[in-house]
């Protein structure tokens, strides 16, 4: 959406004005937008990968595959396994200390 709007604005400005300063400003803005999009992608990459993996598993392996995939990639289950494998921490949690 932003890309289309910026492209339209660029076309409009080029049609009405032949000012190189404005063109340079628009190019700078395009670069800033691309950099921000890349940062956002990097921030969301794990969530995107997890969502895509879940959807692929769901389509090809149905519910059983989805459950298996979720169990392998669930942070809470990983933490629960850590607690269960650490006898001292397990007793500490059960004692309420």
N, C-alpha and C. Protein backbone atom coordinates (compact mmCIF):
# COMPACT_ATOMS: atom_id res chain seq x y z
N UNK A 1 0.83 -1.19 0.00
CA UNK A 1 0.00 0.00 0.00
C UNK A 1 0.87 1.25 0.00
N UNK A 2 1.82 1.31 0.93
CA UNK A 2 2.70 2.47 1.01
C UNK A 2 3.52 2.58 -0.27
N UNK A 3 3.99 1.43 -0.78
CA UNK A 3 4.79 1.44 -2.01
C UNK A 3 4.00 2.02 -3.18
N UNK A 4 2.74 1.62 -3.30
CA UNK A 4 1.90 2.12 -4.39
C UNK A 4 1.65 3.62 -4.24
N UNK A 5 1.36 4.04 -3.02
CA UNK A 5 1.12 5.46 -2.77
C UNK A 5 2.36 6.29 -3.08
N UNK A 6 3.51 5.79 -2.66
CA UNK A 6 4.75 6.51 -2.92
C UNK A 6 5.06 6.54 -4.42
N UNK A 7 4.80 5.45 -5.11
CA UNK A 7 5.01 5.42 -6.56
C UNK A 7 4.07 6.41 -7.26
N UNK A 8 2.82 6.46 -6.83
CA UNK A 8 1.87 7.42 -7.41
C UNK A 8 2.32 8.85 -7.14
N UNK A 9 2.76 9.10 -5.92
CA UNK A 9 3.24 10.44 -5.57
C UNK A 9 4.45 10.81 -6.42
N UNK A 10 5.36 9.87 -6.58
CA UNK A 10 6.56 10.11 -7.39
C UNK A 10 6.18 10.43 -8.82
N UNK A 11 5.26 9.66 -9.38
CA UNK A 11 4.80 9.92 -10.75
C UNK A 11 4.15 11.29 -10.87
N UNK A 12 3.32 11.64 -9.90
CA UNK A 12 2.65 12.95 -9.92
C UNK A 12 3.65 14.09 -9.85
N UNK A 13 4.62 13.95 -8.97
CA UNK A 13 5.61 15.01 -8.80
C UNK A 13 6.48 15.14 -10.05
N UNK A 14 6.88 14.01 -10.63
CA UNK A 14 7.68 14.05 -11.85
C UNK A 14 6.91 14.70 -12.99
N UNK A 15 5.60 14.48 -13.03
CA UNK A 15 4.77 15.05 -14.09
C UNK A 15 4.61 16.57 -13.92
N UNK A 16 4.55 17.02 -12.67
CA UNK A 16 4.29 18.44 -12.43
C UNK A 16 5.55 19.27 -12.21
N UNK A 17 6.57 18.63 -11.64
CA UNK A 17 7.78 19.39 -11.30
C UNK A 17 9.00 18.65 -11.85
N UNK A 18 9.99 19.39 -12.23
CA UNK A 18 11.24 18.80 -12.69
C UNK A 18 12.35 19.19 -11.72
N UNK A 19 12.06 19.05 -10.44
CA UNK A 19 12.99 19.48 -9.40
C UNK A 19 13.81 18.29 -8.91
N UNK A 20 15.12 18.29 -9.11
CA UNK A 20 15.96 17.16 -8.68
C UNK A 20 16.03 17.01 -7.16
N UNK A 21 15.83 18.08 -6.43
CA UNK A 21 15.84 18.00 -4.96
C UNK A 21 14.67 17.16 -4.46
N UNK A 22 13.52 17.37 -5.06
CA UNK A 22 12.34 16.59 -4.67
C UNK A 22 12.54 15.13 -5.04
N UNK A 23 13.09 14.87 -6.20
CA UNK A 23 13.34 13.49 -6.63
C UNK A 23 14.32 12.80 -5.67
N UNK A 24 15.35 13.53 -5.25
CA UNK A 24 16.33 12.96 -4.31
C UNK A 24 15.67 12.68 -2.96
N UNK A 25 14.80 13.57 -2.52
CA UNK A 25 14.09 13.37 -1.26
C UNK A 25 13.19 12.13 -1.33
N UNK A 26 12.51 11.97 -2.46
CA UNK A 26 11.66 10.80 -2.63
C UNK A 26 12.48 9.51 -2.66
N UNK A 27 13.63 9.53 -3.30
CA UNK A 27 14.50 8.35 -3.30
C UNK A 27 14.99 8.01 -1.90
N UNK A 28 15.32 9.04 -1.13
CA UNK A 28 15.73 8.82 0.26
C UNK A 28 14.59 8.20 1.05
N UNK A 29 13.40 8.71 0.84
CA UNK A 29 12.22 8.18 1.52
C UNK A 29 11.98 6.71 1.15
N UNK A 30 12.14 6.39 -0.13
CA UNK A 30 11.98 5.00 -0.58
C UNK A 30 12.97 4.09 0.13
N UNK A 31 14.22 4.54 0.24
CA UNK A 31 15.25 3.74 0.90
C UNK A 31 14.94 3.56 2.38
N UNK A 32 14.44 4.59 3.02
CA UNK A 32 14.08 4.50 4.43
C UNK A 32 12.92 3.52 4.65
N UNK A 33 11.96 3.57 3.76
CA UNK A 33 10.82 2.66 3.85
C UNK A 33 11.29 1.22 3.67
N UNK A 34 12.14 0.98 2.69
CA UNK A 34 12.66 -0.38 2.46
C UNK A 34 13.46 -0.88 3.65
N UNK A 35 14.27 -0.01 4.24
CA UNK A 35 15.05 -0.38 5.42
C UNK A 35 14.13 -0.73 6.58
N UNK A 36 13.07 0.04 6.76
CA UNK A 36 12.12 -0.22 7.84
C UNK A 36 11.37 -1.53 7.61
N UNK A 37 11.01 -1.79 6.35
CA UNK A 37 10.33 -3.05 6.03
C UNK A 37 11.24 -4.24 6.35
N UNK A 38 12.52 -4.11 6.04
CA UNK A 38 13.47 -5.18 6.31
C UNK A 38 13.63 -5.41 7.81
N UNK A 39 13.69 -4.32 8.59
CA UNK A 39 13.78 -4.44 10.06
C UNK A 39 12.54 -5.14 10.60
N UNK A 40 11.38 -4.76 10.11
CA UNK A 40 10.13 -5.37 10.58
C UNK A 40 10.09 -6.86 10.22
N UNK A 41 10.55 -7.18 9.03
CA UNK A 41 10.62 -8.59 8.63
C UNK A 41 11.53 -9.36 9.59
N UNK A 42 12.68 -8.81 9.90
CA UNK A 42 13.61 -9.49 10.81
C UNK A 42 12.99 -9.69 12.19
N UNK A 43 12.22 -8.68 12.65
CA UNK A 43 11.55 -8.80 13.95
C UNK A 43 10.48 -9.88 13.93
N UNK A 44 9.83 -10.05 12.81
CA UNK A 44 8.70 -10.97 12.72
C UNK A 44 9.07 -12.33 12.10
N UNK A 45 10.34 -12.53 11.75
CA UNK A 45 10.75 -13.72 10.99
C UNK A 45 10.37 -15.03 11.70
N UNK A 46 10.62 -15.12 13.00
CA UNK A 46 10.30 -16.35 13.72
C UNK A 46 8.80 -16.63 13.70
N UNK A 47 7.99 -15.60 13.91
CA UNK A 47 6.54 -15.78 13.90
C UNK A 47 6.06 -16.18 12.50
N UNK A 48 6.65 -15.58 11.48
CA UNK A 48 6.28 -15.93 10.10
C UNK A 48 6.64 -17.37 9.82
N UNK A 49 7.86 -17.76 10.19
CA UNK A 49 8.31 -19.13 9.95
C UNK A 49 7.43 -20.14 10.68
N UNK A 50 7.08 -19.83 11.93
CA UNK A 50 6.23 -20.72 12.71
C UNK A 50 4.85 -20.84 12.09
N UNK A 51 4.28 -19.71 11.66
CA UNK A 51 2.94 -19.73 11.05
C UNK A 51 2.96 -20.51 9.74
N UNK A 52 3.98 -20.30 8.92
CA UNK A 52 4.08 -21.04 7.66
C UNK A 52 4.27 -22.53 7.90
N UNK A 53 5.13 -22.85 8.85
CA UNK A 53 5.35 -24.27 9.19
C UNK A 53 4.06 -24.92 9.66
N UNK A 54 3.33 -24.23 10.50
CA UNK A 54 2.05 -24.76 11.00
C UNK A 54 1.07 -24.99 9.87
N UNK A 55 0.99 -24.05 8.96
CA UNK A 55 0.04 -24.18 7.85
C UNK A 55 0.43 -25.32 6.92
N UNK A 56 1.70 -25.46 6.64
CA UNK A 56 2.17 -26.55 5.78
C UNK A 56 1.87 -27.90 6.43
N UNK A 57 2.19 -28.00 7.71
CA UNK A 57 1.92 -29.26 8.43
C UNK A 57 0.43 -29.54 8.43
N UNK A 58 -0.37 -28.54 8.70
CA UNK A 58 -1.83 -28.73 8.76
C UNK A 58 -2.37 -29.22 7.42
N UNK A 59 -1.87 -28.67 6.33
CA UNK A 59 -2.38 -29.05 5.01
C UNK A 59 -1.97 -30.46 4.60
N UNK A 60 -0.77 -30.87 4.98
CA UNK A 60 -0.28 -32.16 4.51
C UNK A 60 -0.42 -33.29 5.52
N UNK A 61 -0.40 -32.96 6.81
CA UNK A 61 -0.43 -34.02 7.82
C UNK A 61 -1.62 -33.91 8.76
N UNK A 62 -2.47 -32.96 8.53
CA UNK A 62 -3.71 -32.77 9.27
C UNK A 62 -3.45 -32.55 10.76
N UNK A 63 -4.41 -32.90 11.59
CA UNK A 63 -4.33 -32.57 13.01
C UNK A 63 -3.19 -33.26 13.73
N UNK A 64 -2.97 -34.53 13.44
CA UNK A 64 -1.89 -35.25 14.14
C UNK A 64 -0.54 -34.60 13.87
N UNK A 65 -0.29 -34.27 12.63
CA UNK A 65 0.96 -33.61 12.28
C UNK A 65 1.08 -32.25 12.93
N UNK A 66 -0.03 -31.54 13.00
CA UNK A 66 -0.03 -30.22 13.63
C UNK A 66 0.31 -30.32 15.11
N UNK A 67 -0.25 -31.30 15.77
CA UNK A 67 0.02 -31.49 17.20
C UNK A 67 1.49 -31.83 17.41
N UNK A 68 2.01 -32.74 16.59
CA UNK A 68 3.43 -33.11 16.71
C UNK A 68 4.33 -31.90 16.47
N UNK A 69 4.03 -31.13 15.45
CA UNK A 69 4.81 -29.94 15.14
C UNK A 69 4.75 -28.95 16.30
N UNK A 70 3.57 -28.74 16.84
CA UNK A 70 3.40 -27.81 17.94
C UNK A 70 4.18 -28.25 19.17
N UNK A 71 4.17 -29.54 19.44
CA UNK A 71 4.90 -30.05 20.60
C UNK A 71 6.40 -29.84 20.45
N UNK A 72 6.92 -29.97 19.25
CA UNK A 72 8.35 -29.78 19.02
C UNK A 72 8.77 -28.33 19.13
N UNK A 73 7.90 -27.41 18.77
CA UNK A 73 8.26 -26.00 18.67
C UNK A 73 7.61 -25.11 19.71
N UNK A 74 7.08 -25.67 20.77
CA UNK A 74 6.39 -24.88 21.79
C UNK A 74 7.36 -24.51 22.91
N UNK A 75 7.51 -23.21 23.18
CA UNK A 75 8.43 -22.73 24.21
C UNK A 75 8.01 -23.20 25.60
N UNK A 76 6.73 -23.28 25.85
CA UNK A 76 6.25 -23.71 27.17
C UNK A 76 6.58 -25.18 27.41
N UNK A 77 6.45 -25.97 26.39
CA UNK A 77 6.77 -27.39 26.53
C UNK A 77 8.27 -27.57 26.73
N UNK A 78 9.07 -26.79 26.01
CA UNK A 78 10.52 -26.84 26.20
C UNK A 78 10.88 -26.49 27.64
N UNK A 79 10.26 -25.44 28.18
CA UNK A 79 10.53 -25.04 29.56
C UNK A 79 10.06 -26.12 30.53
N UNK A 80 8.91 -26.72 30.27
CA UNK A 80 8.41 -27.79 31.13
C UNK A 80 9.37 -28.97 31.14
N UNK A 81 9.92 -29.30 29.98
CA UNK A 81 10.90 -30.39 29.91
C UNK A 81 12.15 -30.05 30.70
N UNK A 82 12.58 -28.80 30.63
CA UNK A 82 13.74 -28.37 31.42
C UNK A 82 13.48 -28.56 32.91
N UNK A 83 12.30 -28.14 33.36
CA UNK A 83 11.95 -28.26 34.77
C UNK A 83 11.89 -29.73 35.17
N UNK A 84 11.27 -30.55 34.36
CA UNK A 84 11.16 -31.98 34.68
C UNK A 84 12.52 -32.68 34.71
N UNK A 85 13.44 -32.19 33.92
CA UNK A 85 14.77 -32.80 33.88
C UNK A 85 15.70 -32.26 34.96
N UNK A 86 15.31 -31.21 35.66
CA UNK A 86 16.12 -30.62 36.73
C UNK A 86 15.43 -30.92 38.06
N UNK A 87 15.89 -31.97 38.74
CA UNK A 87 15.23 -32.43 39.97
C UNK A 87 15.19 -31.35 41.05
N UNK A 88 16.24 -30.58 41.17
CA UNK A 88 16.30 -29.54 42.20
C UNK A 88 15.26 -28.46 41.92
N UNK A 89 15.21 -27.99 40.70
CA UNK A 89 14.23 -26.97 40.33
C UNK A 89 12.81 -27.52 40.46
N UNK A 90 12.61 -28.76 40.08
CA UNK A 90 11.29 -29.41 40.18
C UNK A 90 10.82 -29.44 41.62
N UNK A 91 11.69 -29.86 42.54
CA UNK A 91 11.32 -29.90 43.98
C UNK A 91 11.07 -28.51 44.52
N UNK A 92 11.88 -27.55 44.08
CA UNK A 92 11.72 -26.17 44.54
C UNK A 92 10.35 -25.63 44.13
N UNK A 93 9.95 -25.88 42.90
CA UNK A 93 8.64 -25.41 42.43
C UNK A 93 7.51 -26.08 43.21
N UNK A 94 7.63 -27.39 43.43
CA UNK A 94 6.59 -28.11 44.15
C UNK A 94 6.49 -27.69 45.62
N UNK A 95 7.62 -27.29 46.19
CA UNK A 95 7.60 -26.87 47.59
C UNK A 95 7.05 -25.44 47.76
N UNK A 96 6.99 -24.70 46.66
CA UNK A 96 6.45 -23.35 46.71
C UNK A 96 7.46 -22.30 47.14
N UNK A 97 8.73 -22.65 47.16
CA UNK A 97 9.77 -21.69 47.58
C UNK A 97 10.28 -20.91 46.41
